[in-house]
Protein backbone atom coordinates (compact mmCIF):
# COMPACT_ATOMS: atom_id res chain seq x y z
CA MET A 1 -22.75 -2.22 3.71
CA LYS A 2 -19.24 -3.49 3.01
CA ILE A 3 -16.63 -0.72 2.61
CA ILE A 4 -13.16 -0.87 1.04
CA ASP A 5 -10.35 1.59 0.39
CA ILE A 6 -8.46 1.36 -2.92
CA ASN A 7 -4.79 2.30 -2.64
CA CYS A 8 -2.16 2.71 -5.32
CA ASP A 9 1.63 3.22 -5.23
CA MET A 10 2.49 6.55 -6.84
CA GLY A 11 5.21 9.12 -7.39
CA GLU A 12 7.64 6.37 -8.33
CA SER A 13 9.48 8.40 -10.95
CA PHE A 14 11.80 11.38 -11.09
CA GLY A 15 11.86 15.02 -12.13
CA ASN A 16 8.37 16.43 -11.43
CA TYR A 17 6.84 13.74 -13.61
CA LEU A 18 3.95 11.47 -12.69
CA LEU A 19 4.69 7.95 -13.85
CA GLY A 20 2.43 6.50 -16.53
CA ARG A 21 -1.15 7.59 -15.88
CA ASP A 22 -0.94 8.42 -12.17
CA GLU A 23 -2.89 11.65 -12.61
CA GLU A 24 -5.85 9.85 -14.17
CA ILE A 25 -5.68 6.88 -11.79
CA LEU A 26 -6.18 9.29 -8.91
CA ASP A 27 -9.78 9.63 -10.10
CA TYR A 28 -10.47 6.00 -9.21
CA VAL A 29 -8.46 5.33 -6.03
CA THR A 30 -9.06 6.63 -2.51
CA SER A 31 -5.54 6.45 -1.05
CA ALA A 32 -2.14 7.15 -2.62
CA ASN A 33 1.12 5.68 -1.33
CA ILE A 34 3.78 8.20 -2.36
CA ALA A 35 7.44 7.20 -2.78
CA CYS A 36 9.77 9.08 -0.45
CA GLY A 37 13.06 9.03 -2.36
CA PHE A 38 14.74 5.81 -1.27
CA HIS A 39 13.38 3.30 -3.80
CA ALA A 40 11.97 5.96 -6.16
CA GLY A 41 10.81 9.55 -6.23
CA ASP A 42 12.49 12.88 -5.66
CA PRO A 43 11.47 16.23 -4.14
CA ALA A 44 9.83 17.56 -7.30
CA THR A 45 7.87 14.38 -7.94
CA MET A 46 6.82 14.13 -4.29
CA ARG A 47 5.49 17.70 -4.32
CA LYS A 48 3.58 17.22 -7.57
CA THR A 49 2.05 13.91 -6.51
CA VAL A 50 1.00 15.29 -3.13
CA ASN A 51 -0.58 18.31 -4.81
CA SER A 52 -2.49 16.15 -7.30
CA ALA A 53 -3.78 13.81 -4.57
CA LEU A 54 -4.98 16.71 -2.42
CA LYS A 55 -6.85 18.28 -5.33
CA LYS A 56 -8.74 15.03 -5.84
CA ASN A 57 -9.37 14.42 -2.12
CA VAL A 58 -7.32 11.23 -2.11
CA GLY A 59 -5.81 10.16 1.22
CA ILE A 60 -2.02 10.54 1.26
CA GLY A 61 0.38 7.97 2.64
CA ALA A 62 4.15 7.78 2.94
CA HIS A 63 5.60 4.83 1.04
CA PRO A 64 9.03 4.28 2.63
CA GLY A 65 11.30 1.66 1.11
CA LEU A 66 14.79 0.26 1.27
CA GLN A 67 17.57 2.47 -0.07
CA ASP A 68 17.86 0.64 -3.37
CA LEU A 69 17.07 2.67 -6.49
CA ILE A 70 18.54 0.10 -8.89
CA GLY A 71 16.47 -2.73 -7.42
CA PHE A 72 13.41 -0.49 -6.97
CA GLY A 73 13.31 -1.51 -3.32
CA ARG A 74 12.20 -5.03 -4.20
CA ARG A 75 15.43 -6.81 -3.24
CA GLU A 76 15.75 -7.98 0.34
CA MET A 77 18.53 -6.33 2.32
CA HIS A 78 19.80 -7.23 5.76
CA ILE A 79 18.89 -4.32 8.02
CA SER A 80 18.52 -4.15 11.78
CA PRO A 81 15.31 -3.08 13.51
CA ARG A 82 17.06 0.16 14.49
CA GLU A 83 17.88 0.86 10.84
CA ALA A 84 14.29 0.14 9.86
CA TYR A 85 13.11 2.58 12.52
CA GLU A 86 15.45 5.30 11.26
CA ILE A 87 14.73 4.99 7.54
CA VAL A 88 10.98 5.05 8.13
CA ILE A 89 11.19 8.20 10.26
CA TYR A 90 13.49 9.83 7.70
CA GLN A 91 11.17 9.15 4.77
CA MET A 92 7.99 9.99 6.67
CA GLY A 93 9.55 13.30 7.61
CA ALA A 94 10.34 14.14 4.01
CA LEU A 95 6.86 13.41 2.68
CA SER A 96 4.92 14.85 5.60
CA ALA A 97 6.74 18.16 5.11
CA PHE A 98 5.45 18.35 1.52
CA VAL A 99 1.95 17.38 2.65
CA LYS A 100 1.94 20.08 5.31
CA ALA A 101 3.36 22.68 2.91
CA GLU A 102 0.55 21.93 0.45
CA GLY A 103 -2.10 22.26 3.16
CA GLY A 104 -2.81 18.60 3.85
CA ARG A 105 -2.19 15.93 6.47
CA LEU A 106 -0.55 12.53 6.24
CA GLN A 107 -3.19 9.80 6.46
CA HIS A 108 -1.18 6.58 6.48
CA VAL A 109 2.13 4.80 6.04
CA LYS A 110 2.63 1.77 3.84
CA PRO A 111 6.13 0.25 3.61
CA HIS A 112 7.22 -0.55 0.07
CA GLY A 113 8.32 -3.75 -1.61
CA ALA A 114 10.89 -5.83 0.22
CA LEU A 115 10.55 -3.78 3.40
CA PHE A 116 6.80 -4.50 3.42
CA ASN A 117 7.34 -8.23 2.87
CA MET A 118 10.19 -8.51 5.38
CA ALA A 119 8.16 -6.81 8.10
CA ALA A 120 5.18 -9.05 7.33
CA LYS A 121 7.19 -12.05 8.57
CA ASN A 122 9.72 -10.51 10.99
CA TYR A 123 8.12 -9.20 14.19
CA SER A 124 11.22 -7.25 15.24
CA LEU A 125 11.26 -5.29 11.99
CA ALA A 126 7.50 -4.83 12.14
CA GLU A 127 7.74 -3.52 15.69
CA ALA A 128 10.48 -1.05 14.72
CA ILE A 129 8.41 0.30 11.83
CA ALA A 130 5.31 0.60 14.03
CA GLU A 131 7.33 2.41 16.69
CA ALA A 132 8.64 4.86 14.11
CA VAL A 133 5.15 5.66 12.86
CA TYR A 134 3.74 5.95 16.37
CA LYS A 135 6.45 8.34 17.53
CA VAL A 136 6.04 10.60 14.50
CA ASP A 137 2.24 10.67 14.79
CA PRO A 138 0.17 8.12 16.76
CA ASP A 139 -2.94 9.02 14.74
CA ILE A 140 -1.48 7.78 11.43
CA ILE A 141 -2.83 4.49 10.07
CA LEU A 142 -0.33 1.75 9.24
CA PHE A 143 -1.04 -0.43 6.20
CA GLY A 144 0.17 -4.02 6.52
CA LEU A 145 -0.42 -7.37 4.88
CA ALA A 146 -3.60 -8.91 6.27
CA GLY A 147 -2.81 -11.32 9.12
CA SER A 148 0.87 -10.40 9.18
CA GLU A 149 3.39 -9.53 11.89
CA SER A 150 3.09 -5.92 10.74
CA ILE A 151 -0.55 -5.78 11.79
CA LYS A 152 0.14 -7.54 15.09
CA ALA A 153 3.04 -5.23 16.01
CA ALA A 154 1.14 -2.07 15.10
CA GLU A 155 -1.92 -3.08 17.11
CA GLN A 156 0.29 -3.97 20.08
CA ILE A 157 1.83 -0.49 20.08
CA GLY A 158 -1.55 1.21 19.75
CA LEU A 159 -1.68 2.23 16.11
CA ARG A 160 -4.74 1.99 13.92
CA THR A 161 -4.13 -0.58 11.23
CA ALA A 162 -5.52 -1.28 7.77
CA SER A 163 -5.30 -4.89 6.65
CA GLU A 164 -4.21 -4.80 3.03
CA VAL A 165 -5.09 -7.30 0.31
CA PHE A 166 -3.83 -7.50 -3.25
CA SER A 167 -5.86 -7.75 -6.40
CA ASP A 168 -3.13 -8.97 -8.74
CA ARG A 169 -1.08 -11.23 -6.47
CA THR A 170 -1.52 -14.87 -5.52
CA TYR A 171 -1.50 -16.15 -1.94
CA GLN A 172 0.21 -18.93 -0.02
CA MET A 173 -1.32 -21.09 2.74
CA ASP A 174 0.21 -18.91 5.49
CA GLY A 175 -1.41 -15.80 4.04
CA SER A 176 1.80 -14.48 2.52
CA LEU A 177 2.09 -13.32 -1.08
CA THR A 178 3.71 -15.64 -3.60
CA SER A 179 7.25 -14.43 -4.31
CA ARG A 180 7.67 -12.40 -7.48
CA ASN A 181 10.39 -14.90 -8.40
CA GLU A 182 7.69 -17.51 -8.91
CA GLU A 183 5.87 -17.77 -12.26
CA ASN A 184 2.44 -17.79 -10.64
CA ALA A 185 3.04 -14.72 -8.44
CA LEU A 186 0.98 -12.32 -10.55
CA ILE A 187 -2.65 -12.52 -11.67
CA LYS A 188 -2.64 -11.16 -15.20
CA ASP A 189 -6.34 -11.59 -16.05
CA SER A 190 -8.09 -8.45 -14.79
CA MET A 191 -11.44 -10.17 -14.31
CA VAL A 192 -9.85 -12.91 -12.19
CA ALA A 193 -8.14 -10.23 -10.10
CA ILE A 194 -11.38 -8.32 -9.58
CA LYS A 195 -13.30 -11.48 -8.64
CA GLN A 196 -10.61 -12.23 -6.06
CA VAL A 197 -11.06 -8.78 -4.51
CA VAL A 198 -14.86 -8.99 -4.41
CA ARG A 199 -14.64 -12.37 -2.67
CA MET A 200 -12.06 -11.14 -0.16
CA VAL A 201 -14.28 -8.21 0.79
CA ARG A 202 -17.65 -9.99 0.80
CA GLU A 203 -16.69 -13.46 2.03
CA ARG A 204 -13.41 -12.69 3.84
CA LYS A 205 -11.78 -15.60 2.02
CA VAL A 206 -9.09 -16.02 -0.62
CA SER A 207 -8.05 -19.09 -2.58
CA THR A 208 -4.35 -19.97 -2.32
CA VAL A 209 -2.15 -21.34 -5.10
CA GLN A 210 -2.62 -24.71 -3.42
CA GLY A 211 -6.37 -24.44 -4.08
CA ILE A 212 -7.35 -24.07 -0.42
CA ASP A 213 -9.45 -21.20 0.94
CA ILE A 214 -8.02 -19.26 3.87
CA PRO A 215 -9.68 -16.47 5.91
CA ILE A 216 -8.59 -12.90 5.21
CA GLN A 217 -9.43 -9.41 6.48
CA ALA A 218 -9.70 -6.63 3.89
CA HIS A 219 -9.73 -2.92 4.74
CA THR A 220 -7.79 -1.71 1.72
CA VAL A 221 -6.93 -3.24 -1.63
CA CYS A 222 -3.72 -2.43 -3.50
CA ILE A 223 -3.63 -1.91 -7.23
CA HIS A 224 -0.43 -1.20 -9.10
CA GLY A 225 -0.22 1.93 -11.22
CA ASP A 226 2.79 1.03 -13.35
CA GLY A 227 1.22 -1.44 -15.79
CA VAL A 228 0.13 -0.58 -19.31
CA THR A 229 -3.52 -1.27 -18.43
CA ALA A 230 -3.37 0.31 -14.95
CA LEU A 231 -5.92 3.03 -15.66
CA GLU A 232 -8.42 0.65 -17.21
CA PHE A 233 -7.99 -1.75 -14.27
CA ALA A 234 -8.53 1.06 -11.76
CA GLN A 235 -11.75 1.99 -13.53
CA GLN A 236 -12.90 -1.64 -13.66
CA ILE A 237 -12.20 -2.48 -10.05
CA SER A 238 -13.84 0.70 -8.73
CA SER A 239 -17.03 0.24 -10.74
CA THR A 240 -17.25 -3.54 -10.14
CA LEU A 241 -16.90 -3.16 -6.38
CA GLN A 242 -19.67 -0.57 -6.28
CA ASN A 243 -21.88 -2.65 -8.58
CA ASN A 244 -21.49 -5.48 -6.06
CA GLY A 245 -22.79 -3.33 -3.21
CA ILE A 246 -19.34 -2.49 -1.84
CA LYS A 247 -18.75 1.17 -1.00
CA VAL A 248 -15.36 2.62 -1.99
CA ALA A 249 -14.00 5.27 0.42
CA LYS A 250 -10.66 6.46 1.74
CA ILE A 251 -9.50 4.58 4.79
CA SER A 252 -9.62 7.55 7.18
CA ASP A 253 -13.34 7.98 6.46
CA PHE A 254 -14.37 4.64 7.92
CA LEU A 255 -11.59 3.05 9.97
């Protein structure tokens, strides 16, 4: 049987407040990527999100980003590999302390936004991030874009990796995501997005914006929790995957 983890970015607000419908979305995802304060989030929100995820048996991941609140961590910044190493350790430390205090354990790390995309193409940055994760805890799983430098660097250093695919993003021929600056970057039709995910899991293929199929590995699929229909989409994708004979489980249960 095919198995997939569903992950969602969460805790991306401030003041002990779960953004949008995060609390309800936790009923339909298996892993939560929790903001660590650099691109979003604060101590109160981190604690509340961690607590909610633990109550619902959802795997918890640190979601470290660039230090850019105004740009929500989605603007590229020039940072050195050493800086990438340091900011990942710093943010992992903050979130893992909350997880431990609430009686849980950190499952994974998924870089956020621009940091995620930069590391996907830049092996030196990817290696620095992988080294940071490994030195904090070599048992933590690193999420990276399927087929990217992030996956290669993490595997080289000895980390477990989860190849991530995206339900609502379009792909380029090299396996990268279409830039958000492009009009065709996002898939807005939920049924098209879900069909893309089912195909990636079952056939290990995805169609690019150029209309060519490329191979792809899918361990975990990202859905975004900040849209107005996020809850409905989470419900749809979870039920559709299972109706297509695909088991949904948190990554640490099968990887």
